[in-house]
Amino acid sequence: MSLHPQYAKRILLGSKKVEFRKRRLADDVEIVLIYATAPVQRVVGMFSIESTIEGTPEEVWRRAGEVGGITHADYEAYYRASAKAVALVVKNPKAFVRPLPLRDISPALAPPQSFNYLPIETLNDFPSTYSLGKPREKYRQLDLLACLPWNDDEAPAQPERIAA
């Protein structure tokens, strides 16, 4: 799935807990690879889909806007001519140690306009260096995020502290 680098970063940091789309993904999609668009132009991480919220743009904003990691003005601009909105609820985001060029997945892959479907076996072919280990290693994931080639001036947000 193609995302602007600032939104990819927010998902990987955990501050953007939903990804807004104009159309629903296929029902059997469980894992999303995050392709950060220019200037990064790499697959920078992945997340699982916990659930999907659908409705009018106003309904979806009421339900998910608070955790959407996007301003209301940008949200409205995105859905300006749309009658339907979809929010993918992000679960277990993982940043890759090294961003992955699309050609490393398949030489024929082009950057997706919105998203492409890949067989689940594709994940099994990833080199072991893209694994993050245990899914609950939140601070390890944040350390790895610092290695990503973000070419903007936005500093990563600090995670919320959660009482154990």
C-alpha atoms as a PDB file:
ATOM      1  CA  MET A   1       0.000   0.000   0.000  1.00  0.00           C
ATOM      2  CA  SER A   2       1.390   3.398  -0.975  1.00  0.00           C
ATOM      3  CA  LEU A   3       1.564   6.020   1.763  1.00  0.00           C
ATOM      4  CA  HIS A   4       3.160   9.429   1.936  1.00  0.00           C
ATOM      5  CA  PRO A   5       6.272   9.151   4.124  1.00  0.00           C
ATOM      6  CA  GLN A   6       4.812  11.212   6.969  1.00  0.00           C
ATOM      7  CA  TYR A   7       1.802   8.874   7.257  1.00  0.00           C
ATOM      8  CA  ALA A   8       3.967   5.747   6.976  1.00  0.00           C
ATOM      9  CA  LYS A   9       6.124   7.109   9.783  1.00  0.00           C
ATOM     10  CA  ARG A  10       3.100   7.815  11.991  1.00  0.00           C
ATOM     11  CA  ILE A  11       1.764   4.289  11.486  1.00  0.00           C
ATOM     12  CA  LEU A  12       5.137   2.767  12.357  1.00  0.00           C
ATOM     13  CA  LEU A  13       5.430   4.994  15.441  1.00  0.00           C
ATOM     14  CA  GLY A  14       1.932   4.012  16.552  1.00  0.00           C
ATOM     15  CA  SER A  15       0.437   7.522  16.503  1.00  0.00           C
ATOM     16  CA  LYS A  16      -1.671   6.810  13.391  1.00  0.00           C
ATOM     17  CA  LYS A  17      -3.912   3.919  14.295  1.00  0.00           C
ATOM     18  CA  VAL A  18      -6.077   3.856  11.156  1.00  0.00           C
ATOM     19  CA  GLU A  19      -5.334   4.248   7.466  1.00  0.00           C
ATOM     20  CA  PHE A  20      -8.038   5.970   5.430  1.00  0.00           C
ATOM     21  CA  ARG A  21      -8.925   4.711   1.955  1.00  0.00           C
ATOM     22  CA  LYS A  22     -11.655   5.366  -0.584  1.00  0.00           C
ATOM     23  CA  ARG A  23     -12.317   1.712  -1.206  1.00  0.00           C
ATOM     24  CA  ARG A  24     -12.235  -1.473   0.779  1.00  0.00           C
ATOM     25  CA  LEU A  25      -9.500  -4.089   0.459  1.00  0.00           C
ATOM     26  CA  ALA A  26     -10.345  -7.693  -0.385  1.00  0.00           C
ATOM     27  CA  ASP A  27     -11.780  -9.573   2.601  1.00  0.00           C
ATOM     28  CA  ASP A  28      -8.879 -12.037   2.747  1.00  0.00           C
ATOM     29  CA  VAL A  29      -6.179  -9.352   3.168  1.00  0.00           C
ATOM     30  CA  GLU A  30      -4.648  -9.587   6.633  1.00  0.00           C
ATOM     31  CA  ILE A  31      -1.210  -7.976   6.199  1.00  0.00           C
ATOM     32  CA  VAL A  32      -0.325  -4.672   4.559  1.00  0.00           C
ATOM     33  CA  LEU A  33       3.178  -3.842   3.351  1.00  0.00           C
ATOM     34  CA  ILE A  34       3.855  -0.105   3.617  1.00  0.00           C
ATOM     35  CA  TYR A  35       5.424   1.470   0.544  1.00  0.00           C
ATOM     36  CA  ALA A  36       6.575   5.007   1.402  1.00  0.00           C
ATOM     37  CA  THR A  37       6.287   7.214  -1.680  1.00  0.00           C
ATOM     38  CA  ALA A  38       8.903   9.724  -2.886  1.00  0.00           C
ATOM     39  CA  PRO A  39      11.427  10.626  -1.756  1.00  0.00           C
ATOM     40  CA  VAL A  40      11.763   7.313   0.174  1.00  0.00           C
ATOM     41  CA  GLN A  41      10.385   4.949  -2.500  1.00  0.00           C
ATOM     42  CA  ARG A  42      10.843   1.786  -0.430  1.00  0.00           C
ATOM     43  CA  VAL A  43       8.779  -0.767   1.484  1.00  0.00           C
ATOM     44  CA  VAL A  44       9.486   0.472   5.008  1.00  0.00           C
ATOM     45  CA  GLY A  45       7.333  -1.792   7.158  1.00  0.00           C
ATOM     46  CA  MET A  46       4.092  -3.637   7.557  1.00  0.00           C
ATOM     47  CA  PHE A  47       1.006  -3.959   9.729  1.00  0.00           C
ATOM     48  CA  SER A  48      -1.900  -6.313  10.263  1.00  0.00           C
ATOM     49  CA  ILE A  49      -5.492  -5.213   9.774  1.00  0.00           C
ATOM     50  CA  GLU A  50      -7.457  -5.520  13.009  1.00  0.00           C
ATOM     51  CA  SER A  51     -10.779  -4.465  11.477  1.00  0.00           C
ATOM     52  CA  THR A  52     -12.329  -2.196   8.868  1.00  0.00           C
ATOM     53  CA  ILE A  53     -14.665   0.756   9.420  1.00  0.00           C
ATOM     54  CA  GLU A  54     -16.908   1.822   6.537  1.00  0.00           C
ATOM     55  CA  GLY A  55     -19.446   4.570   6.045  1.00  0.00           C
ATOM     56  CA  THR A  56     -19.815   8.087   4.773  1.00  0.00           C
ATOM     57  CA  PRO A  57     -16.746  10.294   5.226  1.00  0.00           C
ATOM     58  CA  GLU A  58     -18.538  12.077   8.092  1.00  0.00           C
ATOM     59  CA  GLU A  59     -19.377   8.783   9.861  1.00  0.00           C
ATOM     60  CA  VAL A  60     -15.870   7.396   9.507  1.00  0.00           C
ATOM     61  CA  TRP A  61     -14.310  10.649  10.756  1.00  0.00           C
ATOM     62  CA  ARG A  62     -16.588  10.580  13.840  1.00  0.00           C
ATOM     63  CA  ARG A  63     -15.518   7.012  14.584  1.00  0.00           C
ATOM     64  CA  ALA A  64     -11.805   7.158  13.691  1.00  0.00           C
ATOM     65  CA  GLY A  65     -10.693  10.720  13.076  1.00  0.00           C
ATOM     66  CA  GLU A  66      -9.178  11.094  16.547  1.00  0.00           C
ATOM     67  CA  VAL A  67      -6.644   8.333  15.848  1.00  0.00           C
ATOM     68  CA  GLY A  68      -6.267   8.951  12.105  1.00  0.00           C
ATOM     69  CA  GLY A  69      -3.005  10.888  12.239  1.00  0.00           C
ATOM     70  CA  ILE A  70      -4.339  13.417   9.713  1.00  0.00           C
ATOM     71  CA  THR A  71      -5.860  16.868  10.016  1.00  0.00           C
ATOM     72  CA  HIS A  72      -9.585  17.261   9.460  1.00  0.00           C
ATOM     73  CA  ALA A  73      -8.864  19.657   6.566  1.00  0.00           C
ATOM     74  CA  ASP A  74      -6.634  17.091   4.814  1.00  0.00           C
ATOM     75  CA  TYR A  75      -9.213  14.372   5.475  1.00  0.00           C
ATOM     76  CA  GLU A  76     -11.978  16.491   3.939  1.00  0.00           C
ATOM     77  CA  ALA A  77      -9.815  17.300   0.919  1.00  0.00           C
ATOM     78  CA  TYR A  78      -9.091  13.580   0.390  1.00  0.00           C
ATOM     79  CA  TYR A  79     -12.803  12.642   0.511  1.00  0.00           C
ATOM     80  CA  ARG A  80     -14.100  15.793  -1.235  1.00  0.00           C
ATOM     81  CA  ALA A  81     -15.892  13.934  -4.064  1.00  0.00           C
ATOM     82  CA  SER A  82     -16.439  10.624  -2.261  1.00  0.00           C
ATOM     83  CA  ALA A  83     -19.647   9.259  -0.812  1.00  0.00           C
ATOM     84  CA  LYS A  84     -17.875   6.377   0.930  1.00  0.00           C
ATOM     85  CA  ALA A  85     -14.901   6.197   3.298  1.00  0.00           C
ATOM     86  CA  VAL A  86     -12.963   3.224   4.644  1.00  0.00           C
ATOM     87  CA  ALA A  87     -10.639   3.129   7.646  1.00  0.00           C
ATOM     88  CA  LEU A  88      -8.288   0.180   8.153  1.00  0.00           C
ATOM     89  CA  VAL A  89      -7.609  -0.288  11.859  1.00  0.00           C
ATOM     90  CA  VAL A  90      -3.851  -0.854  12.245  1.00  0.00           C
ATOM     91  CA  LYS A  91      -2.586  -3.691  14.407  1.00  0.00           C
ATOM     92  CA  ASN A  92       1.016  -4.617  15.217  1.00  0.00           C
ATOM     93  CA  PRO A  93       2.960  -2.194  12.992  1.00  0.00           C
ATOM     94  CA  LYS A  94       6.564  -3.219  12.284  1.00  0.00           C
ATOM     95  CA  ALA A  95       9.334  -1.106  10.775  1.00  0.00           C
ATOM     96  CA  PHE A  96      11.916  -2.891   8.664  1.00  0.00           C
ATOM     97  CA  VAL A  97      15.561  -2.645   9.696  1.00  0.00           C
ATOM     98  CA  ARG A  98      16.414  -1.682   6.125  1.00  0.00           C
ATOM     99  CA  PRO A  99      13.808  -0.392   3.653  1.00  0.00           C
ATOM    100  CA  LEU A 100      13.138  -2.798   0.843  1.00  0.00           C
ATOM    101  CA  PRO A 101      13.189  -1.698  -2.820  1.00  0.00           C
ATOM    102  CA  LEU A 102      10.216  -3.051  -4.761  1.00  0.00           C
ATOM    103  CA  ARG A 103      12.549  -4.847  -7.181  1.00  0.00           C
ATOM    104  CA  ASP A 104      13.698  -7.005  -4.231  1.00  0.00           C
ATOM    105  CA  ILE A 105      10.140  -8.316  -3.928  1.00  0.00           C
ATOM    106  CA  SER A 106       9.657  -8.763  -7.661  1.00  0.00           C
ATOM    107  CA  PRO A 107      11.473  -7.204 -10.637  1.00  0.00           C
ATOM    108  CA  ALA A 108       8.102  -6.588 -12.311  1.00  0.00           C
ATOM    109  CA  LEU A 109       6.547  -4.627  -9.431  1.00  0.00           C
ATOM    110  CA  ALA A 110       5.810  -0.952 -10.000  1.00  0.00           C
ATOM    111  CA  PRO A 111       4.967   1.479  -7.193  1.00  0.00           C
ATOM    112  CA  PRO A 112       1.270   1.030  -6.434  1.00  0.00           C
ATOM    113  CA  GLN A 113      -1.047   3.948  -7.160  1.00  0.00           C
ATOM    114  CA  SER A 114      -3.035   2.990  -4.073  1.00  0.00           C
ATOM    115  CA  PHE A 115      -2.346  -0.681  -3.384  1.00  0.00           C
ATOM    116  CA  ASN A 116      -1.388  -3.966  -5.065  1.00  0.00           C
ATOM    117  CA  TYR A 117      -2.219  -7.493  -4.008  1.00  0.00           C
ATOM    118  CA  LEU A 118       0.641  -9.928  -3.409  1.00  0.00           C
ATOM    119  CA  PRO A 119       0.444 -13.617  -2.483  1.00  0.00           C
ATOM    120  CA  ILE A 120       1.084 -14.266   1.228  1.00  0.00           C
ATOM    121  CA  GLU A 121       4.034 -16.458   0.210  1.00  0.00           C
ATOM    122  CA  THR A 122       5.841 -13.229  -0.701  1.00  0.00           C
ATOM    123  CA  LEU A 123       6.411 -12.588   3.016  1.00  0.00           C
ATOM    124  CA  ASN A 124       8.113 -15.957   3.382  1.00  0.00           C
ATOM    125  CA  ASP A 125      10.662 -14.900   0.770  1.00  0.00           C
ATOM    126  CA  PHE A 126      11.833 -11.818   2.689  1.00  0.00           C
ATOM    127  CA  PRO A 127      15.418 -11.993   3.893  1.00  0.00           C
ATOM    128  CA  SER A 128      15.745 -12.649   7.624  1.00  0.00           C
ATOM    129  CA  THR A 129      17.206  -9.149   8.066  1.00  0.00           C
ATOM    130  CA  TYR A 130      13.696  -7.738   7.651  1.00  0.00           C
ATOM    131  CA  SER A 131      12.379  -9.550  10.696  1.00  0.00           C
ATOM    132  CA  LEU A 132      11.932  -7.584  13.896  1.00  0.00           C
ATOM    133  CA  GLY A 133      11.629 -10.496  16.262  1.00  0.00           C
ATOM    134  CA  LYS A 134       8.924 -10.398  18.896  1.00  0.00           C
ATOM    135  CA  PRO A 135       5.886  -8.277  17.961  1.00  0.00           C
ATOM    136  CA  ARG A 136       5.750  -6.538  21.357  1.00  0.00           C
ATOM    137  CA  GLU A 137       9.228  -5.004  21.113  1.00  0.00           C
ATOM    138  CA  LYS A 138       7.778  -1.494  20.854  1.00  0.00           C
ATOM    139  CA  TYR A 139      10.922   0.430  21.756  1.00  0.00           C
ATOM    140  CA  ARG A 140      13.078  -1.779  19.552  1.00  0.00           C
ATOM    141  CA  GLN A 141      10.756  -0.897  16.667  1.00  0.00           C
ATOM    142  CA  LEU A 142      11.160   2.800  17.437  1.00  0.00           C
ATOM    143  CA  ASP A 143      14.948   2.410  17.473  1.00  0.00           C
ATOM    144  CA  LEU A 144      14.777   0.770  14.059  1.00  0.00           C
ATOM    145  CA  LEU A 145      12.619   3.573  12.731  1.00  0.00           C
ATOM    146  CA  ALA A 146      15.519   5.966  13.206  1.00  0.00           C
ATOM    147  CA  CYS A 147      17.389   3.959  10.545  1.00  0.00           C
ATOM    148  CA  LEU A 148      14.774   4.596   7.874  1.00  0.00           C
ATOM    149  CA  PRO A 149      15.766   7.074   5.146  1.00  0.00           C
ATOM    150  CA  TRP A 150      13.221   9.786   5.903  1.00  0.00           C
ATOM    151  CA  ASN A 151      14.194  12.799   3.831  1.00  0.00           C
ATOM    152  CA  ASP A 152      11.972  15.332   5.511  1.00  0.00           C
ATOM    153  CA  ASP A 153      12.456  17.552   8.525  1.00  0.00           C
ATOM    154  CA  GLU A 154       9.654  16.057  10.574  1.00  0.00           C
ATOM    155  CA  ALA A 155      11.028  14.538  13.754  1.00  0.00           C
ATOM    156  CA  PRO A 156       9.377  11.302  14.881  1.00  0.00           C
ATOM    157  CA  ALA A 157       6.845  11.803  17.638  1.00  0.00           C
ATOM    158  CA  GLN A 158       7.615  10.248  20.996  1.00  0.00           C
ATOM    159  CA  PRO A 159       5.393   7.320  21.974  1.00  0.00           C
ATOM    160  CA  GLU A 160       2.849   7.736  24.733  1.00  0.00           C
ATOM    161  CA  ARG A 161       3.936   6.232  28.006  1.00  0.00           C
ATOM    162  CA  ILE A 162       1.692   3.365  29.024  1.00  0.00           C
ATOM    163  CA  ALA A 163       1.479   2.185  32.609  1.00  0.00           C
ATOM    164  CA  ALA A 164       2.231  -1.489  32.995  1.00  0.00           C
END
